[in-house]
Amino acid sequence: MKRVERRQLKEDEFVSGINAVLQFLKARRKEFILVAAGLAAVVLIVIGLTALRNRSLRKESRVVSEIVALRAEISQKPENLAMLEKLAGNGKFERMAYIELATYWLEKGEIDKAEKQVLRIKSTPKDFLYYGAQDLLGQIAVKKKDFAAALEIFRKVEESKTSVYPLDAILYHKGEALELKGDRQGALAVFKQIQDEYGQTYYGYEAALKASRLGVAK
């Protein structure tokens, strides 16, 4: 008899517990609906942002591909120059068109036109394209024989210790500026530094040749 009573008590407790839960859910129904709606909204926002990001990445990829293709064929298709100018802008990758235009004019010996394109690139964000623009500005200053300005540009990039742009390229152009300025000892020191720190890179190899030549000439 006692066993039956104990079982009955347990069943009553279970039913009471269920009823309590149901009453709690009923009382808090609006709150739960609001929470669920909020979570659903967050999920939709995340999905929407992801879709926009993917769409943006696809667009950026197309822009980069188009810029590279236009630049590669610009010698055979001069009309590509106008198309590059049209693509150029301050977007994350549209700035690349300014770099390509500046490089094109620099190769043509049109120093002022090259500088004009580089100066259109804003100082932020400080990414690969920004430092690429600084590298070009330094090279343009060398072409103009403004060695003090060139060395100052290269110094600032070197001291930034950036990891997004190859510093061996900056150092190599710094060495060239010193050499053209007539500071052979300074240039030799820079080329040896590149040898020591970046011996396995393209500029490491070129610096070794420069160091060898300057070492013999001193």
N, C-alpha and C. Protein backbone atom coordinates (compact mmCIF):
# COMPACT_ATOMS: atom_id res chain seq x y z
N MET A 1 0.83 -1.21 0.00
CA MET A 1 0.00 0.00 0.00
C MET A 1 0.86 1.26 0.00
N LYS A 2 1.89 1.19 0.85
CA LYS A 2 2.78 2.35 0.91
C LYS A 2 3.49 2.57 -0.41
N ARG A 3 3.83 1.44 -1.09
CA ARG A 3 4.50 1.56 -2.38
C ARG A 3 3.61 2.25 -3.39
N VAL A 4 2.31 1.93 -3.37
CA VAL A 4 1.35 2.56 -4.27
C VAL A 4 1.23 4.04 -3.97
N GLU A 5 1.20 4.34 -2.68
CA GLU A 5 1.08 5.75 -2.27
C GLU A 5 2.30 6.55 -2.71
N ARG A 6 3.50 5.92 -2.54
CA ARG A 6 4.73 6.63 -2.93
C ARG A 6 4.74 6.89 -4.44
N ARG A 7 4.32 5.87 -5.22
CA ARG A 7 4.26 6.04 -6.67
C ARG A 7 3.28 7.13 -7.06
N GLN A 8 2.15 7.17 -6.33
CA GLN A 8 1.14 8.17 -6.61
C GLN A 8 1.66 9.58 -6.32
N LEU A 9 2.42 9.66 -5.21
CA LEU A 9 3.00 10.95 -4.84
C LEU A 9 3.99 11.44 -5.91
N LYS A 10 4.81 10.51 -6.41
CA LYS A 10 5.78 10.85 -7.44
C LYS A 10 5.09 11.32 -8.72
N GLU A 11 4.01 10.59 -9.07
CA GLU A 11 3.27 10.98 -10.26
C GLU A 11 2.65 12.36 -10.09
N ASP A 12 2.12 12.60 -8.87
CA ASP A 12 1.52 13.91 -8.59
C ASP A 12 2.58 15.02 -8.68
N GLU A 13 3.78 14.72 -8.15
CA GLU A 13 4.87 15.69 -8.20
C GLU A 13 5.28 15.99 -9.65
N PHE A 14 5.32 14.92 -10.45
CA PHE A 14 5.68 15.07 -11.86
C PHE A 14 4.67 15.94 -12.59
N VAL A 15 3.36 15.63 -12.34
CA VAL A 15 2.28 16.40 -12.97
C VAL A 15 2.33 17.84 -12.52
N SER A 16 2.59 18.03 -11.23
CA SER A 16 2.67 19.39 -10.69
C SER A 16 3.83 20.16 -11.34
N GLY A 17 4.94 19.45 -11.51
CA GLY A 17 6.11 20.08 -12.13
C GLY A 17 5.82 20.49 -13.56
N ILE A 18 5.16 19.58 -14.30
CA ILE A 18 4.81 19.89 -15.68
C ILE A 18 3.88 21.08 -15.74
N ASN A 19 2.88 21.07 -14.84
CA ASN A 19 1.91 22.17 -14.80
C ASN A 19 2.60 23.50 -14.48
N ALA A 20 3.58 23.43 -13.57
CA ALA A 20 4.32 24.64 -13.19
C ALA A 20 5.09 25.19 -14.38
N VAL A 21 5.73 24.28 -15.11
CA VAL A 21 6.49 24.69 -16.30
C VAL A 21 5.56 25.31 -17.33
N LEU A 22 4.39 24.64 -17.54
CA LEU A 22 3.44 25.16 -18.52
C LEU A 22 2.91 26.53 -18.11
N GLN A 23 2.66 26.67 -16.81
CA GLN A 23 2.18 27.96 -16.32
C GLN A 23 3.24 29.05 -16.52
N PHE A 24 4.51 28.67 -16.25
CA PHE A 24 5.61 29.63 -16.42
C PHE A 24 5.73 30.05 -17.89
N LEU A 25 5.69 29.05 -18.78
CA LEU A 25 5.78 29.35 -20.21
C LEU A 25 4.62 30.21 -20.68
N LYS A 26 3.44 29.91 -20.15
CA LYS A 26 2.26 30.67 -20.52
C LYS A 26 2.38 32.11 -20.06
N ALA A 27 2.89 32.27 -18.81
CA ALA A 27 3.02 33.61 -18.23
C ALA A 27 4.08 34.43 -18.97
N ARG A 28 5.12 33.72 -19.43
CA ARG A 28 6.23 34.41 -20.11
C ARG A 28 6.17 34.28 -21.63
N ARG A 29 5.00 33.97 -22.12
CA ARG A 29 4.84 33.71 -23.55
C ARG A 29 5.33 34.86 -24.41
N LYS A 30 4.93 36.07 -24.04
CA LYS A 30 5.31 37.24 -24.83
C LYS A 30 6.81 37.43 -24.84
N GLU A 31 7.43 37.25 -23.64
CA GLU A 31 8.88 37.43 -23.56
C GLU A 31 9.60 36.43 -24.46
N PHE A 32 9.12 35.15 -24.42
CA PHE A 32 9.76 34.12 -25.24
C PHE A 32 9.59 34.41 -26.73
N ILE A 33 8.41 34.91 -27.09
CA ILE A 33 8.16 35.26 -28.49
C ILE A 33 9.09 36.37 -28.93
N LEU A 34 9.27 37.38 -28.05
CA LEU A 34 10.17 38.49 -28.38
C LEU A 34 11.61 38.02 -28.52
N VAL A 35 12.04 37.15 -27.60
CA VAL A 35 13.41 36.62 -27.66
C VAL A 35 13.63 35.83 -28.95
N ALA A 36 12.64 34.98 -29.27
CA ALA A 36 12.73 34.17 -30.49
C ALA A 36 12.78 35.07 -31.73
N ALA A 37 11.95 36.10 -31.71
CA ALA A 37 11.93 37.04 -32.83
C ALA A 37 13.26 37.76 -32.95
N GLY A 38 13.84 38.13 -31.79
CA GLY A 38 15.14 38.80 -31.79
C GLY A 38 16.23 37.91 -32.35
N LEU A 39 16.22 36.66 -31.92
CA LEU A 39 17.23 35.71 -32.42
C LEU A 39 17.08 35.51 -33.94
N ALA A 40 15.83 35.41 -34.37
CA ALA A 40 15.57 35.24 -35.81
C ALA A 40 16.09 36.45 -36.58
N ALA A 41 15.88 37.65 -36.00
CA ALA A 41 16.35 38.87 -36.66
C ALA A 41 17.87 38.88 -36.77
N VAL A 42 18.54 38.45 -35.69
CA VAL A 42 20.01 38.40 -35.69
C VAL A 42 20.51 37.44 -36.76
N VAL A 43 19.86 36.27 -36.82
CA VAL A 43 20.25 35.28 -37.83
C VAL A 43 20.10 35.83 -39.24
N LEU A 44 18.98 36.52 -39.47
CA LEU A 44 18.73 37.10 -40.80
C LEU A 44 19.76 38.18 -41.14
N ILE A 45 20.13 38.98 -40.14
CA ILE A 45 21.13 40.03 -40.34
C ILE A 45 22.48 39.41 -40.70
N VAL A 46 22.86 38.37 -39.95
CA VAL A 46 24.14 37.70 -40.21
C VAL A 46 24.16 37.10 -41.62
N ILE A 47 23.05 36.45 -41.98
CA ILE A 47 22.95 35.87 -43.33
C ILE A 47 23.04 36.96 -44.40
N GLY A 48 22.35 38.08 -44.13
CA GLY A 48 22.37 39.19 -45.09
C GLY A 48 23.75 39.79 -45.23
N LEU A 49 24.44 40.01 -44.10
CA LEU A 49 25.79 40.57 -44.14
C LEU A 49 26.76 39.64 -44.84
N THR A 50 26.61 38.34 -44.59
CA THR A 50 27.48 37.36 -45.26
C THR A 50 27.28 37.39 -46.77
N ALA A 51 26.01 37.47 -47.17
CA ALA A 51 25.70 37.53 -48.60
C ALA A 51 26.29 38.79 -49.23
N LEU A 52 26.14 39.93 -48.52
CA LEU A 52 26.69 41.18 -49.03
C LEU A 52 28.21 41.12 -49.13
N ARG A 53 28.84 40.52 -48.10
CA ARG A 53 30.29 40.40 -48.09
C ARG A 53 30.77 39.54 -49.26
N ASN A 54 30.09 38.42 -49.47
CA ASN A 54 30.47 37.55 -50.59
C ASN A 54 30.29 38.25 -51.93
N ARG A 55 29.19 39.00 -52.01
CA ARG A 55 28.94 39.76 -53.24
C ARG A 55 30.01 40.82 -53.45
N SER A 56 30.41 41.48 -52.34
CA SER A 56 31.45 42.50 -52.41
C SER A 56 32.78 41.90 -52.83
N LEU A 57 33.11 40.73 -52.26
CA LEU A 57 34.36 40.06 -52.61
C LEU A 57 34.40 39.68 -54.08
N ARG A 58 33.25 39.21 -54.60
CA ARG A 58 33.19 38.86 -56.02
C ARG A 58 33.40 40.09 -56.88
N LYS A 59 32.79 41.20 -56.47
CA LYS A 59 32.94 42.45 -57.21
C LYS A 59 34.39 42.92 -57.19
N GLU A 60 35.03 42.87 -55.99
CA GLU A 60 36.42 43.30 -55.86
C GLU A 60 37.33 42.42 -56.70
N SER A 61 37.05 41.12 -56.71
CA SER A 61 37.85 40.20 -57.51
C SER A 61 37.76 40.54 -58.99
N ARG A 62 36.56 40.89 -59.44
CA ARG A 62 36.37 41.27 -60.84
C ARG A 62 37.14 42.54 -61.17
N VAL A 63 37.11 43.49 -60.23
CA VAL A 63 37.80 44.77 -60.44
C VAL A 63 39.31 44.53 -60.57
N VAL A 64 39.87 43.73 -59.67
CA VAL A 64 41.31 43.43 -59.72
C VAL A 64 41.68 42.74 -61.03
N SER A 65 40.88 41.74 -61.41
CA SER A 65 41.15 41.02 -62.65
C SER A 65 41.10 41.95 -63.86
N GLU A 66 40.14 42.86 -63.85
CA GLU A 66 39.99 43.79 -64.97
C GLU A 66 41.17 44.75 -65.04
N ILE A 67 41.60 45.25 -63.89
CA ILE A 67 42.74 46.17 -63.84
C ILE A 67 44.01 45.49 -64.35
N VAL A 68 44.25 44.26 -63.87
CA VAL A 68 45.44 43.51 -64.29
C VAL A 68 45.42 43.26 -65.80
N ALA A 69 44.25 42.87 -66.33
CA ALA A 69 44.13 42.58 -67.76
C ALA A 69 44.36 43.84 -68.60
N LEU A 70 43.78 44.96 -68.16
CA LEU A 70 43.95 46.21 -68.89
C LEU A 70 45.41 46.65 -68.91
N ARG A 71 46.07 46.52 -67.76
CA ARG A 71 47.48 46.93 -67.67
C ARG A 71 48.38 46.03 -68.51
N ALA A 72 48.08 44.74 -68.55
CA ALA A 72 48.91 43.79 -69.29
C ALA A 72 48.87 44.06 -70.79
N GLU A 73 47.76 44.59 -71.28
CA GLU A 73 47.61 44.77 -72.73
C GLU A 73 47.70 46.23 -73.16
N ILE A 74 48.14 47.09 -72.25
CA ILE A 74 48.09 48.52 -72.54
C ILE A 74 49.04 48.92 -73.67
N SER A 75 50.13 48.18 -73.86
CA SER A 75 51.07 48.49 -74.95
C SER A 75 50.43 48.26 -76.31
N GLN A 76 49.64 47.18 -76.40
CA GLN A 76 48.96 46.87 -77.67
C GLN A 76 47.65 47.61 -77.82
N LYS A 77 47.07 47.99 -76.69
CA LYS A 77 45.77 48.66 -76.71
C LYS A 77 45.83 49.97 -75.92
N PRO A 78 46.28 51.05 -76.52
CA PRO A 78 46.40 52.34 -75.82
C PRO A 78 45.07 52.82 -75.21
N GLU A 79 43.97 52.36 -75.79
CA GLU A 79 42.66 52.76 -75.25
C GLU A 79 42.43 52.24 -73.84
N ASN A 80 43.23 51.25 -73.43
CA ASN A 80 43.11 50.72 -72.07
C ASN A 80 43.44 51.76 -71.01
N LEU A 81 44.24 52.77 -71.40
CA LEU A 81 44.62 53.82 -70.46
C LEU A 81 43.39 54.56 -69.95
N ALA A 82 42.51 54.91 -70.85
CA ALA A 82 41.28 55.61 -70.46
C ALA A 82 40.40 54.73 -69.60
N MET A 83 40.38 53.44 -69.89
CA MET A 83 39.57 52.51 -69.11
C MET A 83 40.14 52.34 -67.70
N LEU A 84 41.46 52.33 -67.58
CA LEU A 84 42.10 52.26 -66.27
C LEU A 84 41.77 53.50 -65.44
N GLU A 85 41.82 54.66 -66.08
CA GLU A 85 41.50 55.91 -65.39
C GLU A 85 40.06 55.91 -64.90
N LYS A 86 39.19 55.29 -65.68
CA LYS A 86 37.79 55.21 -65.29
C LYS A 86 37.59 54.29 -64.08
N LEU A 87 38.40 53.23 -64.00
CA LEU A 87 38.29 52.29 -62.89
C LEU A 87 38.91 52.81 -61.61
N ALA A 88 39.87 53.72 -61.74
CA ALA A 88 40.61 54.21 -60.58
C ALA A 88 39.69 54.91 -59.59
N GLY A 89 39.92 54.65 -58.32
CA GLY A 89 39.11 55.28 -57.27
C GLY A 89 39.70 54.98 -55.91
N ASN A 90 39.00 55.36 -54.87
CA ASN A 90 39.51 55.19 -53.50
C ASN A 90 38.94 53.96 -52.80
N GLY A 91 38.29 53.08 -53.57
CA GLY A 91 37.85 51.82 -52.99
C GLY A 91 39.04 50.94 -52.64
N LYS A 92 38.77 49.87 -51.92
CA LYS A 92 39.86 49.01 -51.44
C LYS A 92 40.78 48.55 -52.55
N PHE A 93 40.21 48.15 -53.69
CA PHE A 93 41.02 47.66 -54.79
C PHE A 93 41.05 48.60 -55.99
N GLU A 94 40.12 49.54 -56.04
CA GLU A 94 40.14 50.50 -57.14
C GLU A 94 41.42 51.33 -57.12
N ARG A 95 42.04 51.49 -55.92
CA ARG A 95 43.30 52.24 -55.81
C ARG A 95 44.41 51.59 -56.63
N MET A 96 44.25 50.29 -56.86
CA MET A 96 45.26 49.57 -57.63
C MET A 96 45.43 50.17 -59.02
N ALA A 97 44.36 50.72 -59.56
CA ALA A 97 44.43 51.34 -60.89
C ALA A 97 45.36 52.55 -60.87
N TYR A 98 45.37 53.31 -59.76
CA TYR A 98 46.29 54.44 -59.64
C TYR A 98 47.74 53.95 -59.68
N ILE A 99 48.00 52.83 -58.99
CA ILE A 99 49.34 52.25 -58.98
C ILE A 99 49.77 51.86 -60.39
N GLU A 100 48.88 51.20 -61.09
CA GLU A 100 49.20 50.74 -62.46
C GLU A 100 49.39 51.92 -63.40
N LEU A 101 48.57 52.95 -63.25
CA LEU A 101 48.72 54.14 -64.09
C LEU A 101 50.04 54.84 -63.80
N ALA A 102 50.39 54.94 -62.52
CA ALA A 102 51.66 55.58 -62.14
C ALA A 102 52.85 54.80 -62.69
N THR A 103 52.78 53.47 -62.59
CA THR A 103 53.85 52.63 -63.11
C THR A 103 53.99 52.80 -64.63
N TYR A 104 52.86 52.85 -65.29
CA TYR A 104 52.86 53.03 -66.75
C TYR A 104 53.56 54.35 -67.13
N TRP A 105 53.17 55.44 -66.46
CA TRP A 105 53.76 56.74 -66.80
C TRP A 105 55.23 56.81 -66.40
N LEU A 106 55.59 56.12 -65.32
CA LEU A 106 56.99 56.09 -64.89
C LEU A 106 57.85 55.38 -65.93
N GLU A 107 57.33 54.28 -66.47
CA GLU A 107 58.04 53.56 -67.52
C GLU A 107 58.19 54.41 -68.78
N LYS A 108 57.23 55.27 -69.01
CA LYS A 108 57.26 56.14 -70.18
C LYS A 108 58.15 57.37 -69.96
N GLY A 109 58.63 57.56 -68.75
CA GLY A 109 59.44 58.72 -68.42
C GLY A 109 58.64 59.97 -68.13
N GLU A 110 57.31 59.79 -67.99
CA GLU A 110 56.42 60.92 -67.67
C GLU A 110 56.31 61.03 -66.15
N ILE A 111 57.34 61.62 -65.54
CA ILE A 111 57.46 61.64 -64.09
C ILE A 111 56.31 62.39 -63.41
N ASP A 112 55.97 63.55 -63.93
CA ASP A 112 54.91 64.36 -63.31
C ASP A 112 53.56 63.64 -63.36
N LYS A 113 53.28 62.98 -64.49
CA LYS A 113 52.02 62.23 -64.62
C LYS A 113 51.99 61.05 -63.66
N ALA A 114 53.13 60.40 -63.50
CA ALA A 114 53.22 59.27 -62.57
C ALA A 114 52.97 59.74 -61.14
N GLU A 115 53.61 60.85 -60.78
CA GLU A 115 53.46 61.38 -59.42
C GLU A 115 52.02 61.80 -59.15
N LYS A 116 51.38 62.39 -60.15
CA LYS A 116 49.98 62.83 -60.00
C LYS A 116 49.08 61.65 -59.64
N GLN A 117 49.30 60.51 -60.29
CA GLN A 117 48.46 59.33 -60.02
C GLN A 117 48.71 58.79 -58.61
N VAL A 118 49.98 58.72 -58.21
CA VAL A 118 50.31 58.17 -56.89
C VAL A 118 49.73 59.04 -55.77
N LEU A 119 49.80 60.35 -55.94
CA LEU A 119 49.32 61.26 -54.91
C LEU A 119 47.81 61.19 -54.70
N ARG A 120 47.11 60.54 -55.61
CA ARG A 120 45.67 60.39 -55.45
C ARG A 120 45.30 59.30 -54.44
N ILE A 121 46.28 58.49 -54.08
CA ILE A 121 46.03 57.40 -53.13
C ILE A 121 46.07 57.95 -51.71
N LYS A 122 45.01 57.75 -50.95
CA LYS A 122 44.91 58.28 -49.59
C LYS A 122 45.86 57.54 -48.65
N SER A 123 46.10 58.15 -47.50
CA SER A 123 47.06 57.59 -46.54
C SER A 123 46.48 56.46 -45.70
N THR A 124 45.20 56.20 -45.86
CA THR A 124 44.59 55.07 -45.15
C THR A 124 43.72 54.29 -46.13
N PRO A 125 43.59 52.97 -45.97
CA PRO A 125 44.28 52.17 -44.96
C PRO A 125 45.74 51.95 -45.35
N LYS A 126 46.59 51.69 -44.36
CA LYS A 126 48.01 51.46 -44.63
C LYS A 126 48.22 49.98 -44.96
N ASP A 127 47.83 49.63 -46.17
CA ASP A 127 47.93 48.25 -46.64
C ASP A 127 48.98 48.14 -47.73
N PHE A 128 48.99 47.02 -48.44
CA PHE A 128 49.98 46.78 -49.49
C PHE A 128 49.96 47.89 -50.54
N LEU A 129 48.77 48.34 -50.94
CA LEU A 129 48.68 49.36 -51.98
C LEU A 129 49.22 50.70 -51.49
N TYR A 130 48.98 51.02 -50.23
CA TYR A 130 49.50 52.28 -49.67
C TYR A 130 51.03 52.27 -49.71
N TYR A 131 51.63 51.19 -49.21
CA TYR A 131 53.10 51.13 -49.18
C TYR A 131 53.68 51.01 -50.59
N GLY A 132 52.94 50.37 -51.49
CA GLY A 132 53.37 50.33 -52.89
C GLY A 132 53.42 51.73 -53.48
N ALA A 133 52.43 52.55 -53.10
CA ALA A 133 52.39 53.94 -53.56
C ALA A 133 53.58 54.72 -53.00
N GLN A 134 53.91 54.48 -51.72
CA GLN A 134 55.05 55.15 -51.10
C GLN A 134 56.36 54.75 -51.80
N ASP A 135 56.47 53.48 -52.11
CA ASP A 135 57.65 52.98 -52.83
C ASP A 135 57.78 53.70 -54.17
N LEU A 136 56.66 53.83 -54.88
CA LEU A 136 56.68 54.53 -56.17
C LEU A 136 57.03 56.01 -56.01
N LEU A 137 56.52 56.64 -54.95
CA LEU A 137 56.84 58.05 -54.71
C LEU A 137 58.34 58.23 -54.49
N GLY A 138 58.93 57.28 -53.76
CA GLY A 138 60.37 57.33 -53.54
C GLY A 138 61.14 57.19 -54.84
N GLN A 139 60.71 56.27 -55.68
CA GLN A 139 61.38 56.07 -56.97
C GLN A 139 61.21 57.29 -57.88
N ILE A 140 60.04 57.91 -57.80
CA ILE A 140 59.79 59.11 -58.60
C ILE A 140 60.71 60.24 -58.12
N ALA A 141 60.87 60.36 -56.80
CA ALA A 141 61.77 61.38 -56.25
C ALA A 141 63.21 61.15 -56.71
N VAL A 142 63.62 59.89 -56.80
CA VAL A 142 64.96 59.56 -57.31
C VAL A 142 65.09 60.01 -58.76
N LYS A 143 64.06 59.73 -59.56
CA LYS A 143 64.07 60.15 -60.96
C LYS A 143 64.20 61.67 -61.09
N LYS A 144 63.62 62.37 -60.12
CA LYS A 144 63.68 63.84 -60.13
C LYS A 144 64.95 64.36 -59.47
N LYS A 145 65.80 63.41 -59.04
CA LYS A 145 67.07 63.70 -58.35
C LYS A 145 66.86 64.43 -57.03
N ASP A 146 65.69 64.24 -56.46
CA ASP A 146 65.41 64.77 -55.12
C ASP A 146 65.71 63.65 -54.12
N PHE A 147 67.00 63.40 -53.92
CA PHE A 147 67.42 62.25 -53.13
C PHE A 147 67.02 62.38 -51.66
N ALA A 148 67.02 63.59 -51.15
CA ALA A 148 66.64 63.80 -49.75
C ALA A 148 65.19 63.36 -49.52
N ALA A 149 64.29 63.75 -50.45
CA ALA A 149 62.88 63.37 -50.33
C ALA A 149 62.72 61.86 -50.46
N ALA A 150 63.45 61.27 -51.43
CA ALA A 150 63.36 59.82 -51.65
C ALA A 150 63.81 59.05 -50.41
N LEU A 151 64.95 59.44 -49.85
CA LEU A 151 65.48 58.74 -48.68
C LEU A 151 64.57 58.89 -47.47
N GLU A 152 63.90 60.03 -47.36
CA GLU A 152 62.97 60.24 -46.25
C GLU A 152 61.76 59.32 -46.38
N ILE A 153 61.27 59.15 -47.60
CA ILE A 153 60.14 58.25 -47.85
C ILE A 153 60.52 56.82 -47.51
N PHE A 154 61.68 56.38 -48.01
CA PHE A 154 62.12 55.01 -47.75
C PHE A 154 62.38 54.79 -46.26
N ARG A 155 62.91 55.82 -45.58
CA ARG A 155 63.18 55.70 -44.14
C ARG A 155 61.89 55.47 -43.36
N LYS A 156 60.86 56.23 -43.68
CA LYS A 156 59.59 56.11 -42.97
C LYS A 156 58.97 54.73 -43.16
N VAL A 157 59.01 54.23 -44.39
CA VAL A 157 58.45 52.89 -44.64
C VAL A 157 59.27 51.84 -43.90
N GLU A 158 60.61 51.97 -43.95
CA GLU A 158 61.47 51.01 -43.26
C GLU A 158 61.19 51.00 -41.76
N GLU A 159 61.04 52.17 -41.17
CA GLU A 159 60.81 52.28 -39.72
C GLU A 159 59.42 51.83 -39.31
N SER A 160 58.50 51.77 -40.28
CA SER A 160 57.14 51.29 -39.95
C SER A 160 57.14 49.79 -39.64
N LYS A 161 58.19 49.08 -40.10
CA LYS A 161 58.30 47.63 -39.88
C LYS A 161 57.05 46.90 -40.41
N THR A 162 56.49 47.42 -41.47
CA THR A 162 55.27 46.82 -42.00
C THR A 162 55.52 45.39 -42.46
N SER A 163 54.50 44.56 -42.27
CA SER A 163 54.59 43.17 -42.71
C SER A 163 53.77 42.93 -43.98
N VAL A 164 53.15 44.00 -44.49
CA VAL A 164 52.27 43.84 -45.66
C VAL A 164 52.96 44.21 -46.96
N TYR A 165 54.19 44.69 -46.87
CA TYR A 165 54.92 45.07 -48.08
C TYR A 165 56.37 44.62 -47.93
N PRO A 166 57.00 44.11 -49.01
CA PRO A 166 58.36 43.60 -48.90
C PRO A 166 59.38 44.71 -48.62
N LEU A 167 59.96 44.69 -47.43
CA LEU A 167 60.91 45.72 -47.05
C LEU A 167 62.23 45.59 -47.81
N ASP A 168 62.52 44.40 -48.36
CA ASP A 168 63.74 44.28 -49.16
C ASP A 168 63.66 45.15 -50.41
N ALA A 169 62.45 45.33 -50.94
CA ALA A 169 62.27 46.21 -52.10
C ALA A 169 62.55 47.66 -51.71
N ILE A 170 62.02 48.06 -50.54
CA ILE A 170 62.24 49.42 -50.05
C ILE A 170 63.74 49.67 -49.81
N LEU A 171 64.39 48.71 -49.17
CA LEU A 171 65.82 48.85 -48.89
C LEU A 171 66.63 48.92 -50.19
N TYR A 172 66.26 48.11 -51.16
CA TYR A 172 66.98 48.11 -52.42
C TYR A 172 66.87 49.47 -53.11
N HIS A 173 65.67 50.02 -53.13
CA HIS A 173 65.49 51.33 -53.75
C HIS A 173 66.19 52.43 -52.95
N LYS A 174 66.27 52.22 -51.64
CA LYS A 174 67.04 53.15 -50.80
C LYS A 174 68.52 53.08 -51.17
N GLY A 175 69.02 51.87 -51.35
CA GLY A 175 70.42 51.69 -51.75
C GLY A 175 70.71 52.34 -53.09
N GLU A 176 69.78 52.18 -54.03
CA GLU A 176 69.95 52.81 -55.35
C GLU A 176 69.99 54.34 -55.22
N ALA A 177 69.12 54.88 -54.35
CA ALA A 177 69.09 56.33 -54.16
C ALA A 177 70.43 56.83 -53.60
N LEU A 178 70.97 56.09 -52.64
CA LEU A 178 72.25 56.47 -52.06
C LEU A 178 73.38 56.39 -53.10
N GLU A 179 73.32 55.34 -53.92
CA GLU A 179 74.34 55.18 -54.95
C GLU A 179 74.29 56.33 -55.95
N LEU A 180 73.10 56.66 -56.42
CA LEU A 180 72.95 57.74 -57.38
C LEU A 180 73.30 59.10 -56.78
N LYS A 181 73.09 59.21 -55.48
CA LYS A 181 73.44 60.44 -54.77
C LYS A 181 74.95 60.60 -54.67
N GLY A 182 75.67 59.49 -54.81
CA GLY A 182 77.12 59.53 -54.70
C GLY A 182 77.64 58.98 -53.39
N ASP A 183 76.75 58.49 -52.54
CA ASP A 183 77.14 57.91 -51.25
C ASP A 183 77.37 56.41 -51.43
N ARG A 184 78.53 56.05 -51.95
CA ARG A 184 78.82 54.66 -52.25
C ARG A 184 78.90 53.81 -50.98
N GLN A 185 79.51 54.37 -49.95
CA GLN A 185 79.65 53.61 -48.70
C GLN A 185 78.28 53.33 -48.08
N GLY A 186 77.39 54.33 -48.11
CA GLY A 186 76.05 54.15 -47.59
C GLY A 186 75.27 53.13 -48.39
N ALA A 187 75.42 53.20 -49.71
CA ALA A 187 74.74 52.25 -50.59
C ALA A 187 75.25 50.84 -50.35
N LEU A 188 76.58 50.70 -50.21
CA LEU A 188 77.18 49.38 -49.97
C LEU A 188 76.67 48.78 -48.68
N ALA A 189 76.54 49.61 -47.64
CA ALA A 189 76.04 49.13 -46.35
C ALA A 189 74.60 48.61 -46.48
N VAL A 190 73.78 49.32 -47.24
CA VAL A 190 72.38 48.91 -47.43
C VAL A 190 72.30 47.61 -48.22
N PHE A 191 73.08 47.51 -49.29
CA PHE A 191 73.04 46.29 -50.11
C PHE A 191 73.54 45.07 -49.32
N LYS A 192 74.53 45.28 -48.45
CA LYS A 192 75.01 44.19 -47.60
C LYS A 192 73.94 43.79 -46.58
N GLN A 193 73.22 44.79 -46.09
CA GLN A 193 72.12 44.51 -45.16
C GLN A 193 71.06 43.63 -45.82
N ILE A 194 70.73 43.95 -47.07
CA ILE A 194 69.75 43.14 -47.81
C ILE A 194 70.27 41.72 -48.00
N GLN A 195 71.56 41.61 -48.32
CA GLN A 195 72.19 40.28 -48.46
C GLN A 195 72.02 39.45 -47.19
N ASP A 196 72.27 40.09 -46.06
CA ASP A 196 72.24 39.39 -44.76
C ASP A 196 70.82 39.01 -44.36
N GLU A 197 69.86 39.92 -44.59
CA GLU A 197 68.50 39.73 -44.08
C GLU A 197 67.54 39.10 -45.09
N TYR A 198 67.82 39.28 -46.38
CA TYR A 198 66.90 38.79 -47.42
C TYR A 198 67.66 38.08 -48.54
N GLY A 199 68.64 37.28 -48.16
CA GLY A 199 69.53 36.65 -49.14
C GLY A 199 68.84 35.77 -50.16
N GLN A 200 67.68 35.21 -49.83
CA GLN A 200 67.02 34.26 -50.72
C GLN A 200 65.96 34.90 -51.63
N THR A 201 65.82 36.21 -51.57
CA THR A 201 64.81 36.89 -52.39
C THR A 201 65.43 37.46 -53.67
N TYR A 202 64.57 37.93 -54.55
CA TYR A 202 65.04 38.56 -55.79
C TYR A 202 65.95 39.74 -55.48
N TYR A 203 65.48 40.61 -54.57
CA TYR A 203 66.28 41.79 -54.23
C TYR A 203 67.54 41.41 -53.47
N GLY A 204 67.50 40.29 -52.76
CA GLY A 204 68.71 39.81 -52.10
C GLY A 204 69.78 39.46 -53.11
N TYR A 205 69.37 38.81 -54.20
CA TYR A 205 70.29 38.45 -55.27
C TYR A 205 70.83 39.70 -55.97
N GLU A 206 69.93 40.62 -56.30
CA GLU A 206 70.34 41.85 -56.97
C GLU A 206 71.26 42.68 -56.07
N ALA A 207 70.97 42.70 -54.78
CA ALA A 207 71.80 43.45 -53.83
C ALA A 207 73.20 42.86 -53.74
N ALA A 208 73.30 41.53 -53.83
CA ALA A 208 74.61 40.87 -53.80
C ALA A 208 75.46 41.33 -54.98
N LEU A 209 74.84 41.44 -56.15
CA LEU A 209 75.55 41.91 -57.35
C LEU A 209 76.01 43.36 -57.17
N LYS A 210 75.10 44.18 -56.62
CA LYS A 210 75.42 45.58 -56.39
C LYS A 210 76.55 45.71 -55.38
N ALA A 211 76.47 44.94 -54.30
CA ALA A 211 77.49 45.01 -53.25
C ALA A 211 78.86 44.60 -53.78
N SER A 212 78.84 43.57 -54.62
CA SER A 212 80.09 43.08 -55.20
C SER A 212 80.72 44.15 -56.08
N ARG A 213 79.90 44.81 -56.90
CA ARG A 213 80.41 45.84 -57.79
C ARG A 213 80.92 47.05 -57.01
N LEU A 214 80.15 47.48 -56.04
CA LEU A 214 80.56 48.64 -55.24
C LEU A 214 81.78 48.34 -54.39
N GLY A 215 81.88 47.07 -53.92
CA GLY A 215 83.03 46.69 -53.11
C GLY A 215 84.31 46.72 -53.91
N VAL A 216 84.24 46.34 -55.16
CA VAL A 216 85.41 46.38 -56.04
C VAL A 216 85.77 47.81 -56.40
N ALA A 217 84.73 48.66 -56.57
CA ALA A 217 84.93 50.02 -57.03
C ALA A 217 85.46 50.96 -55.95
N LYS A 218 85.30 50.58 -54.67
CA LYS A 218 85.65 51.54 -53.61
C LYS A 218 87.16 51.74 -53.49
